[in-house]
C-alpha atoms as a PDB file:
ATOM      1  CA  MET A   1     -93.804 -42.167  55.551  1.00  0.00           C
ATOM      2  CA  SER A   2     -90.706 -39.261  56.604  1.00  0.00           C
ATOM      3  CA  LEU A   3     -91.085 -34.863  55.343  1.00  0.00           C
ATOM      4  CA  ASP A   4     -88.602 -35.844  53.242  1.00  0.00           C
ATOM      5  CA  GLU A   5     -90.101 -39.404  51.512  1.00  0.00           C
ATOM      6  CA  GLN A   6     -93.361 -37.218  51.213  1.00  0.00           C
ATOM      7  CA  ILE A   7     -92.474 -33.903  49.134  1.00  0.00           C
ATOM      8  CA  ILE A   8     -90.382 -36.651  46.156  1.00  0.00           C
ATOM      9  CA  ASP A   9     -93.837 -38.434  46.798  1.00  0.00           C
ATOM     10  CA  ILE A  10     -95.958 -34.935  45.980  1.00  0.00           C
ATOM     11  CA  ILE A  11     -93.011 -33.670  43.207  1.00  0.00           C
ATOM     12  CA  SER A  12     -93.846 -37.200  41.476  1.00  0.00           C
ATOM     13  CA  THR A  13     -96.114 -37.513  41.356  1.00  0.00           C
ATOM     14  CA  ILE A  14     -96.727 -34.154  39.936  1.00  0.00           C
ATOM     15  CA  VAL A  15     -94.396 -34.550  36.964  1.00  0.00           C
ATOM     16  CA  ARG A  16     -96.362 -38.222  36.687  1.00  0.00           C
ATOM     17  CA  ARG A  17     -99.519 -35.924  36.466  1.00  0.00           C
ATOM     18  CA  HIS A  18     -98.195 -33.427  33.729  1.00  0.00           C
ATOM     19  CA  GLY A  19     -96.302 -36.215  31.220  1.00  0.00           C
ATOM     20  CA  LEU A  20     -92.760 -34.296  31.993  1.00  0.00           C
ATOM     21  CA  PRO A  21     -89.974 -36.440  31.273  1.00  0.00           C
ATOM     22  CA  GLU A  22     -89.720 -39.422  33.693  1.00  0.00           C
ATOM     23  CA  VAL A  23     -86.342 -37.923  36.960  1.00  0.00           C
ATOM     24  CA  SER A  24     -85.348 -39.110  39.891  1.00  0.00           C
ATOM     25  CA  VAL A  25     -85.944 -37.050  42.569  1.00  0.00           C
ATOM     26  CA  ALA A  26     -83.684 -36.663  45.402  1.00  0.00           C
ATOM     27  CA  LEU A  27     -82.999 -33.797  47.964  1.00  0.00           C
ATOM     28  CA  ASP A  28     -79.865 -32.036  45.745  1.00  0.00           C
ATOM     29  CA  SER A  29     -82.265 -31.738  41.937  1.00  0.00           C
ATOM     30  CA  PRO A  30     -83.274 -28.810  41.181  1.00  0.00           C
ATOM     31  CA  LEU A  31     -87.155 -28.090  40.248  1.00  0.00           C
ATOM     32  CA  TYR A  32     -86.637 -25.889  38.244  1.00  0.00           C
ATOM     33  CA  ASP A  33     -84.847 -26.412  34.335  1.00  0.00           C
ATOM     34  CA  ASP A  34     -81.695 -28.521  34.529  1.00  0.00           C
ATOM     35  CA  GLY A  35     -83.408 -30.308  37.286  1.00  0.00           C
ATOM     36  CA  VAL A  36     -87.287 -32.062  37.603  1.00  0.00           C
ATOM     37  CA  GLY A  37     -88.400 -29.301  34.951  1.00  0.00           C
ATOM     38  CA  LEU A  38     -91.617 -28.081  37.463  1.00  0.00           C
ATOM     39  CA  ASP A  39     -93.223 -25.305  34.693  1.00  0.00           C
ATOM     40  CA  SER A  40     -95.773 -22.075  36.055  1.00  0.00           C
ATOM     41  CA  MET A  41     -98.631 -24.647  36.166  1.00  0.00           C
ATOM     42  CA  CYS A  42     -96.984 -27.456  38.270  1.00  0.00           C
ATOM     43  CA  VAL A  43     -95.671 -25.516  40.908  1.00  0.00           C
ATOM     44  CA  ALA A  44     -99.163 -23.636  41.137  1.00  0.00           C
ATOM     45  CA  GLU A  45    -100.111 -27.651  42.074  1.00  0.00           C
ATOM     46  CA  LEU A  46     -96.875 -27.963  44.210  1.00  0.00           C
ATOM     47  CA  SER A  47     -97.812 -24.636  45.741  1.00  0.00           C
ATOM     48  CA  ALA A  48    -101.658 -26.177  46.148  1.00  0.00           C
ATOM     49  CA  THR A  49    -100.759 -29.748  47.794  1.00  0.00           C
ATOM     50  CA  LEU A  50     -98.303 -29.013  50.105  1.00  0.00           C
ATOM     51  CA  GLU A  51    -100.243 -25.698  51.920  1.00  0.00           C
ATOM     52  CA  LYS A  52    -103.546 -28.787  51.607  1.00  0.00           C
ATOM     53  CA  ARG A  53    -100.818 -31.635  53.623  1.00  0.00           C
ATOM     54  CA  LEU A  54     -98.331 -29.713  55.493  1.00  0.00           C
ATOM     55  CA  GLY A  55    -100.398 -26.598  56.634  1.00  0.00           C
ATOM     56  CA  SER A  56     -98.198 -23.883  55.242  1.00  0.00           C
ATOM     57  CA  ASP A  57     -95.871 -23.643  51.367  1.00  0.00           C
ATOM     58  CA  PRO A  58     -92.654 -21.633  50.685  1.00  0.00           C
ATOM     59  CA  TYR A  59     -94.768 -20.200  47.521  1.00  0.00           C
ATOM     60  CA  THR A  60     -96.779 -18.545  49.519  1.00  0.00           C
ATOM     61  CA  LYS A  61     -94.153 -17.569  52.491  1.00  0.00           C
ATOM     62  CA  GLY A  62     -92.863 -15.460  49.760  1.00  0.00           C
ATOM     63  CA  GLU A  63     -89.837 -18.024  48.785  1.00  0.00           C
ATOM     64  CA  LEU A  64     -88.512 -19.683  45.027  1.00  0.00           C
ATOM     65  CA  PRO A  65     -87.245 -22.866  46.713  1.00  0.00           C
ATOM     66  CA  ALA A  66     -84.108 -23.813  43.573  1.00  0.00           C
ATOM     67  CA  THR A  67     -84.435 -27.284  44.694  1.00  0.00           C
ATOM     68  CA  VAL A  68     -86.223 -30.129  46.905  1.00  0.00           C
ATOM     69  CA  ALA A  69     -84.075 -29.346  49.801  1.00  0.00           C
ATOM     70  CA  ASP A  70     -84.760 -26.514  49.576  1.00  0.00           C
ATOM     71  CA  ILE A  71     -88.437 -26.967  50.190  1.00  0.00           C
ATOM     72  CA  VAL A  72     -87.568 -29.486  52.847  1.00  0.00           C
ATOM     73  CA  GLY A  73     -85.588 -26.807  54.778  1.00  0.00           C
ATOM     74  CA  PHE A  74     -89.091 -25.049  54.822  1.00  0.00           C
ATOM     75  CA  TYR A  75     -89.866 -26.940  57.203  1.00  0.00           C
ATOM     76  CA  GLY A  76     -87.637 -27.841  59.188  1.00  0.00           C
END
């Protein structure tokens, strides 16, 4: 599974787990209000999951990604 696919899978899993409206998650998807709809609890889980699976995450490095592509770009 590519990095893009891993990150999209992680975000999609969090969306389902938190009962958010089902959306198609793509690289250009906004992460918050008008996009995927992540709230602060989702972001905390996303940060922890990225750290666990990929060894670091943009949130603990002081970045606030706006889209899925921003997260992918953090690793590439």
